[in-house]
Amino acid sequence: MKNTFNVLAALFLIACSISAAGCGGAREVVKPAEPGVLTGVQPEVAPAWFQQGEAAEREAYKYLDYAVPKEVREKTIVVLLDSLTRDSLSIPIGEVAALAYQAKLALTARVSSERAVNAYDERWTDSLTLSREFYSPRAQEKVSTLPVAVTLRLDSLSRRSAEMFDSLDLSNRDRIRTRVVPTRMDAAMIGAADTKLKVALETLTAVTDAALTDYGFTYLHLQGTDSASYKMTEWSVRAKRFLGETEAGFKSRAAELQRFAVFIPETAKTEKSKVLKVWYAEAKVRYDFYAKAATQAAEKISANAERLRQTLLIRPVGR
């Protein structure tokens, strides 16, 4: 699966050769001003920790705001239909390619966001009283917004990835269950579906795992700000809902894939056509792989979900 995902992950490098000028317009309402300068007040040089935080924050929003390039949305793979005639078929995979691309961007934004938050946390060690009093409130505001934006993006991508994988899986099963002798076109579509399913599952696992971690990361850092109690409660409720839904979804998905992997050879036993027997045998190999990968993913997600549960039990001092 790793090799398959790397092929589409490379789309990030193909179309996103990000220059120093950036990858797109960041949202003006949250985009930091010029380094070290605050708008609306007399310009003054900001402390190093604030400048570092701003730089990382701009980078995070740059990745969040970057649009999926046309060449990614229109990505296709070429499948060989006949080794003798060299007939081939171009199959679009833009939908799953775009999702993998967006996941790569969000995961990269996550790294920049964490760097920004860690830099802003240096406000607690600033020995200059005036500097701390002036910049600390601004740093608090940034800490209470940036990681929230990144986490919600990962949450959204997780849900979209789950929907995509489940839809692809359902369509693939219907094609496999056919009692009609499959054509070369059917075989080509199954091959393309195999690529899509592997990429969708790896994307789903990556963004869900990151979202669970970031729900906890954001929860703990909101405690270090002046966020109202209702905001903390709202975030905790949202996090619990996400971990509950995703953990159950991963377990159910793994179980369904395992059941279908068992169903395939049972169906093949009653089949007389040699072509269909081969068809089912190949499908069995693929679904054994999906089931194993999904089971491993479910175990990983369950472990991270439990860590998030424990994190959400931590209560802010004095609240």
Protein backbone atom coordinates (compact mmCIF):
# COMPACT_ATOMS: atom_id res chain seq x y z
CA MET A 1 0.00 0.00 0.00
CA LYS A 2 2.86 2.36 0.82
CA ASN A 3 4.21 2.26 -2.72
CA THR A 4 0.78 2.93 -4.19
CA PHE A 5 0.22 5.92 -1.92
CA ASN A 6 3.66 7.31 -2.68
CA VAL A 7 2.77 7.46 -6.39
CA LEU A 8 -0.11 9.81 -5.70
CA ALA A 9 1.63 11.58 -2.86
CA ALA A 10 4.18 12.60 -5.48
CA LEU A 11 1.41 14.73 -6.98
CA PHE A 12 2.11 17.11 -4.15
CA LEU A 13 5.63 17.62 -5.47
CA ILE A 14 4.59 17.77 -9.12
CA ALA A 15 2.09 20.58 -8.80
CA CYS A 16 3.10 22.27 -5.55
CA SER A 17 6.63 23.45 -6.06
CA ILE A 18 6.00 26.15 -3.53
CA SER A 19 8.09 29.25 -3.97
CA ALA A 20 9.06 31.77 -1.36
CA ALA A 21 6.12 33.84 -2.58
CA GLY A 22 3.72 31.21 -1.28
CA CYS A 23 1.07 28.84 -2.59
CA GLY A 24 -1.94 31.11 -2.69
CA GLY A 25 -3.76 33.89 -0.92
CA ALA A 26 -4.16 33.33 2.78
CA ARG A 27 -7.36 34.54 4.39
CA GLU A 28 -6.97 38.18 5.29
CA VAL A 29 -8.95 37.90 8.51
CA VAL A 30 -6.37 35.63 10.07
CA LYS A 31 -3.26 36.16 7.99
CA PRO A 32 -0.55 37.75 10.17
CA ALA A 33 0.75 41.18 9.26
CA GLU A 34 4.30 41.81 8.16
CA PRO A 35 6.84 40.10 10.44
CA GLY A 36 7.33 41.94 13.69
CA VAL A 37 4.73 44.64 13.00
CA LEU A 38 1.24 44.90 14.45
CA THR A 39 -1.42 46.77 12.47
CA GLY A 40 -3.43 49.49 14.18
CA VAL A 41 -0.67 50.42 16.66
CA GLN A 42 2.66 52.16 16.50
CA PRO A 43 5.04 49.73 14.73
CA GLU A 44 7.58 48.15 17.02
CA VAL A 45 9.95 45.22 16.75
CA ALA A 46 8.37 42.04 18.04
CA PRO A 47 10.31 39.55 20.18
CA ALA A 48 11.96 36.67 18.34
CA TRP A 49 9.44 34.10 19.57
CA PHE A 50 6.53 36.13 18.15
CA GLN A 51 8.23 36.59 14.79
CA GLN A 52 8.95 32.85 14.59
CA GLY A 53 5.34 32.09 15.45
CA GLU A 54 4.06 34.45 12.76
CA ALA A 55 6.33 32.94 10.12
CA ALA A 56 5.17 29.40 10.90
CA GLU A 57 1.54 30.55 11.09
CA ARG A 58 1.69 32.12 7.64
CA GLU A 59 3.16 28.91 6.30
CA ALA A 60 0.37 26.83 7.87
CA TYR A 61 -2.39 28.96 6.35
CA LYS A 62 -0.58 28.93 3.02
CA TYR A 63 -0.89 25.15 2.88
CA LEU A 64 -4.50 25.19 4.11
CA ASP A 65 -5.48 27.71 1.44
CA TYR A 66 -3.66 26.12 -1.47
CA ALA A 67 -6.00 24.86 -4.20
CA VAL A 68 -5.72 21.45 -5.84
CA PRO A 69 -4.12 21.97 -9.28
CA LYS A 70 -6.00 21.05 -12.44
CA GLU A 71 -3.48 18.35 -13.38
CA VAL A 72 -4.20 16.57 -10.10
CA ARG A 73 -8.00 16.83 -10.46
CA GLU A 74 -7.70 15.42 -14.00
CA LYS A 75 -5.20 12.69 -13.11
CA THR A 76 -5.60 9.39 -14.98
CA ILE A 77 -3.90 6.01 -15.00
CA VAL A 78 -3.35 3.93 -18.12
CA VAL A 79 -4.33 0.26 -17.88
CA LEU A 80 -3.16 -2.28 -20.47
CA LEU A 81 -6.06 -4.24 -21.94
CA ASP A 82 -4.19 -6.58 -24.28
CA SER A 83 -0.48 -7.40 -24.08
CA LEU A 84 -0.42 -8.45 -27.74
CA THR A 85 -2.27 -5.57 -29.37
CA ARG A 86 -1.06 -3.13 -26.68
CA ASP A 87 -4.58 -1.78 -26.41
CA SER A 88 -4.91 0.36 -23.30
CA LEU A 89 -7.51 2.33 -21.40
CA SER A 90 -7.11 5.66 -19.63
CA ILE A 91 -9.10 5.70 -16.38
CA PRO A 92 -9.67 8.92 -14.40
CA ILE A 93 -8.66 8.86 -10.74
CA GLY A 94 -8.83 12.61 -10.16
CA GLU A 95 -11.23 12.41 -7.24
CA VAL A 96 -9.03 10.19 -5.10
CA ALA A 97 -5.86 11.96 -6.31
CA ALA A 98 -7.27 15.33 -5.22
CA LEU A 99 -8.18 13.92 -1.82
CA ALA A 100 -4.69 12.50 -1.31
CA TYR A 101 -3.24 15.84 -2.40
CA GLN A 102 -5.40 17.78 0.07
CA ALA A 103 -4.41 15.37 2.82
CA LYS A 104 -0.74 15.96 2.06
CA LEU A 105 -1.27 19.71 2.28
CA ALA A 106 -3.18 19.45 5.56
CA LEU A 107 -0.56 17.20 7.13
CA THR A 108 2.13 19.66 6.08
CA ALA A 109 0.10 22.57 7.50
CA ARG A 110 -0.16 20.60 10.72
CA VAL A 111 3.62 20.58 11.11
CA SER A 112 3.80 24.35 10.59
CA SER A 113 0.92 24.90 13.00
CA GLU A 114 2.65 22.95 15.74
CA ARG A 115 5.82 24.98 15.16
CA ALA A 116 3.83 28.20 15.44
CA VAL A 117 2.10 27.16 18.65
CA ASN A 118 5.36 26.06 20.24
CA ALA A 119 6.90 29.42 19.30
CA TYR A 120 3.97 31.36 20.75
CA ASP A 121 4.29 29.32 23.95
CA GLU A 122 7.64 31.01 24.49
CA ARG A 123 5.65 34.01 25.73
CA TRP A 124 5.70 32.42 29.18
CA THR A 125 9.49 32.69 29.30
CA ASP A 126 9.76 36.26 27.98
CA SER A 127 11.65 38.21 30.64
CA LEU A 128 10.76 41.62 29.20
CA THR A 129 7.58 42.68 31.00
CA LEU A 130 6.40 45.28 28.48
CA SER A 131 7.08 42.97 25.55
CA ARG A 132 5.23 40.12 27.24
CA GLU A 133 2.23 42.28 28.18
CA PHE A 134 1.95 43.63 24.65
CA TYR A 135 2.43 40.45 22.62
CA SER A 136 1.17 37.73 24.95
CA PRO A 137 -2.56 38.49 24.38
CA ARG A 138 -1.98 38.43 20.62
CA ALA A 139 -0.16 35.13 20.89
CA GLN A 140 -3.01 33.70 22.96
CA GLU A 141 -5.51 34.63 20.28
CA LYS A 142 -3.42 32.95 17.62
CA VAL A 143 -2.98 29.79 19.70
CA SER A 144 -6.75 29.56 20.11
CA THR A 145 -7.45 29.81 16.35
CA LEU A 146 -4.67 28.24 14.24
CA PRO A 147 -4.65 24.68 15.69
CA VAL A 148 -8.45 24.70 15.64
CA ALA A 149 -8.44 25.46 11.90
CA VAL A 150 -5.94 22.69 11.19
CA THR A 151 -7.78 20.12 13.30
CA LEU A 152 -11.12 20.87 11.68
CA ARG A 153 -9.55 20.50 8.23
CA LEU A 154 -8.21 17.07 9.20
CA ASP A 155 -11.61 16.16 10.65
CA SER A 156 -13.31 17.09 7.37
CA LEU A 157 -10.78 15.17 5.27
CA SER A 158 -11.22 12.12 7.49
CA ARG A 159 -14.97 12.07 6.93
CA ARG A 160 -14.61 12.63 3.19
CA SER A 161 -12.00 9.88 2.93
CA ALA A 162 -14.28 7.46 4.77
CA GLU A 163 -17.18 8.24 2.44
CA MET A 164 -14.97 7.83 -0.61
CA PHE A 165 -13.48 4.51 0.48
CA ASP A 166 -16.85 3.06 1.42
CA SER A 167 -18.38 4.17 -1.89
CA LEU A 168 -15.49 2.71 -3.91
CA ASP A 169 -15.64 -0.50 -1.92
CA LEU A 170 -19.39 -0.92 -2.46
CA SER A 171 -19.04 -0.37 -6.21
CA ASN A 172 -16.11 -2.76 -6.38
CA ARG A 173 -18.00 -5.52 -4.57
CA ASP A 174 -20.91 -5.23 -6.97
CA ARG A 175 -18.52 -5.68 -9.90
CA ILE A 176 -16.83 -8.68 -8.28
CA ARG A 177 -20.12 -10.43 -7.53
CA THR A 178 -21.00 -10.63 -11.23
CA ARG A 179 -22.11 -14.00 -12.56
CA VAL A 180 -21.28 -12.93 -16.10
CA VAL A 181 -17.87 -13.81 -17.53
CA PRO A 182 -15.83 -10.62 -17.03
CA THR A 183 -14.39 -8.74 -19.98
CA ARG A 184 -10.99 -7.09 -20.30
CA MET A 185 -12.74 -3.83 -19.50
CA ASP A 186 -14.03 -5.30 -16.23
CA ALA A 187 -10.52 -6.42 -15.33
CA ALA A 188 -9.17 -2.95 -16.10
CA MET A 189 -11.79 -1.30 -13.91
CA ILE A 190 -11.01 -3.68 -11.04
CA GLY A 191 -7.32 -2.84 -11.39
CA ALA A 192 -8.04 0.89 -11.25
CA ALA A 193 -10.35 0.38 -8.29
CA ASP A 194 -7.54 -1.43 -6.49
CA THR A 195 -5.32 1.65 -6.79
CA LYS A 196 -8.13 3.95 -5.67
CA LEU A 197 -9.04 1.82 -2.66
CA LYS A 198 -5.46 1.58 -1.44
CA VAL A 199 -4.89 5.31 -1.74
CA ALA A 200 -8.24 6.14 -0.12
CA LEU A 201 -7.60 3.80 2.83
CA GLU A 202 -4.10 5.12 3.44
CA THR A 203 -5.33 8.70 3.19
CA LEU A 204 -8.21 7.94 5.56
CA THR A 205 -5.90 6.37 8.13
CA ALA A 206 -3.33 9.18 7.97
CA VAL A 207 -5.73 12.10 8.36
CA THR A 208 -7.84 10.38 11.02
CA ASP A 209 -4.81 9.51 13.12
CA ALA A 210 -3.55 13.09 12.79
CA ALA A 211 -6.97 14.55 13.63
CA LEU A 212 -7.24 12.49 16.82
CA THR A 213 -3.79 13.66 17.91
CA ASP A 214 -4.56 17.28 17.08
CA TYR A 215 -7.89 17.27 18.90
CA GLY A 216 -5.91 16.50 22.05
CA PHE A 217 -3.10 18.93 21.19
CA THR A 218 -5.59 21.74 20.62
CA TYR A 219 -7.57 20.90 23.77
CA LEU A 220 -4.47 21.18 25.94
CA HIS A 221 -3.34 24.43 24.34
CA LEU A 222 -6.77 26.01 24.64
CA GLN A 223 -6.37 25.50 28.37
CA GLY A 224 -3.37 27.80 28.28
CA THR A 225 -5.40 30.64 26.79
CA ASP A 226 -8.28 32.73 28.08
CA SER A 227 -10.82 30.61 26.19
CA ALA A 228 -14.18 30.62 27.90
CA SER A 229 -15.35 27.44 29.61
CA TYR A 230 -18.11 26.95 27.05
CA LYS A 231 -15.50 26.90 24.26
CA MET A 232 -13.53 24.23 26.09
CA THR A 233 -16.70 22.21 26.61
CA GLU A 234 -17.73 22.62 22.98
CA TRP A 235 -14.31 21.44 21.79
CA SER A 236 -14.39 18.47 24.15
CA VAL A 237 -17.83 17.43 22.89
CA ARG A 238 -16.72 17.74 19.28
CA ALA A 239 -13.59 15.69 19.97
CA LYS A 240 -15.55 12.94 21.73
CA ARG A 241 -18.03 12.74 18.88
CA PHE A 242 -15.24 12.48 16.32
CA LEU A 243 -13.32 9.78 18.17
CA GLY A 244 -16.49 7.78 18.81
CA GLU A 245 -17.67 7.89 15.21
CA THR A 246 -14.30 7.23 13.63
CA GLU A 247 -13.30 4.43 16.00
CA ALA A 248 -16.61 2.64 15.39
CA GLY A 249 -16.32 3.27 11.65
CA PHE A 250 -12.84 1.77 11.40
CA LYS A 251 -13.83 -1.34 13.37
CA SER A 252 -16.98 -1.85 11.30
CA ARG A 253 -15.10 -1.31 8.04
CA ALA A 254 -12.44 -3.88 8.95
CA ALA A 255 -15.08 -6.44 9.93
CA GLU A 256 -17.02 -5.94 6.68
CA LEU A 257 -13.89 -6.36 4.57
CA GLN A 258 -12.99 -9.54 6.43
CA ARG A 259 -16.48 -10.95 5.87
CA PHE A 260 -16.33 -10.22 2.16
CA ALA A 261 -12.87 -11.81 1.90
CA VAL A 262 -14.42 -14.99 3.34
CA PHE A 263 -17.49 -14.72 1.11
CA ILE A 264 -15.49 -14.69 -2.15
CA PRO A 265 -14.08 -18.27 -2.02
CA GLU A 266 -17.45 -19.57 -0.83
CA THR A 267 -18.99 -18.12 -3.99
CA ALA A 268 -16.18 -19.50 -6.16
CA LYS A 269 -16.91 -23.06 -4.97
CA THR A 270 -20.21 -23.12 -6.85
CA GLU A 271 -18.80 -21.56 -10.01
CA LYS A 272 -18.07 -23.78 -13.02
CA SER A 273 -16.50 -21.17 -15.28
CA LYS A 274 -12.70 -21.28 -15.09
CA VAL A 275 -12.55 -17.61 -16.01
CA LEU A 276 -14.79 -16.69 -13.10
CA LYS A 277 -12.80 -18.93 -10.74
CA VAL A 278 -9.67 -16.96 -11.63
CA TRP A 279 -11.66 -13.74 -11.27
CA TYR A 280 -12.72 -14.66 -7.74
CA ALA A 281 -9.25 -15.88 -6.81
CA GLU A 282 -7.74 -12.52 -7.75
CA ALA A 283 -10.48 -10.70 -5.88
CA LYS A 284 -9.77 -12.84 -2.81
CA VAL A 285 -6.10 -11.76 -2.81
CA ARG A 286 -7.09 -8.11 -3.05
CA TYR A 287 -9.70 -8.26 -0.30
CA ASP A 288 -7.39 -10.18 2.01
CA PHE A 289 -5.03 -7.23 1.62
CA TYR A 290 -7.76 -4.63 2.24
CA ALA A 291 -9.03 -6.52 5.28
CA LYS A 292 -5.57 -6.82 6.81
CA ALA A 293 -4.75 -3.16 6.16
CA ALA A 294 -8.12 -2.02 7.55
CA THR A 295 -7.70 -4.18 10.66
CA GLN A 296 -4.26 -2.71 11.34
CA ALA A 297 -5.65 0.77 10.76
CA ALA A 298 -8.53 0.11 13.17
CA GLU A 299 -6.10 -0.97 15.88
CA LYS A 300 -4.00 2.14 15.36
CA ILE A 301 -7.02 4.44 15.45
CA SER A 302 -8.43 2.75 18.57
CA ALA A 303 -5.14 3.25 20.41
CA ASN A 304 -5.04 6.94 19.47
CA ALA A 305 -8.72 7.36 20.33
CA GLU A 306 -8.04 6.01 23.82
CA ARG A 307 -5.17 8.48 24.26
CA LEU A 308 -7.52 11.29 23.28
CA ARG A 309 -10.11 10.07 25.80
CA GLN A 310 -7.50 10.28 28.55
CA THR A 311 -6.43 13.75 27.39
CA LEU A 312 -10.01 15.01 27.52
CA LEU A 313 -10.20 13.94 31.17
CA ILE A 314 -7.61 16.59 32.05
CA ARG A 315 -9.33 19.63 33.51
CA PRO A 316 -7.90 23.15 33.46
CA VAL A 317 -6.72 24.41 36.83
CA GLY A 318 -9.38 26.54 38.47
CA ARG A 319 -12.16 25.44 36.10
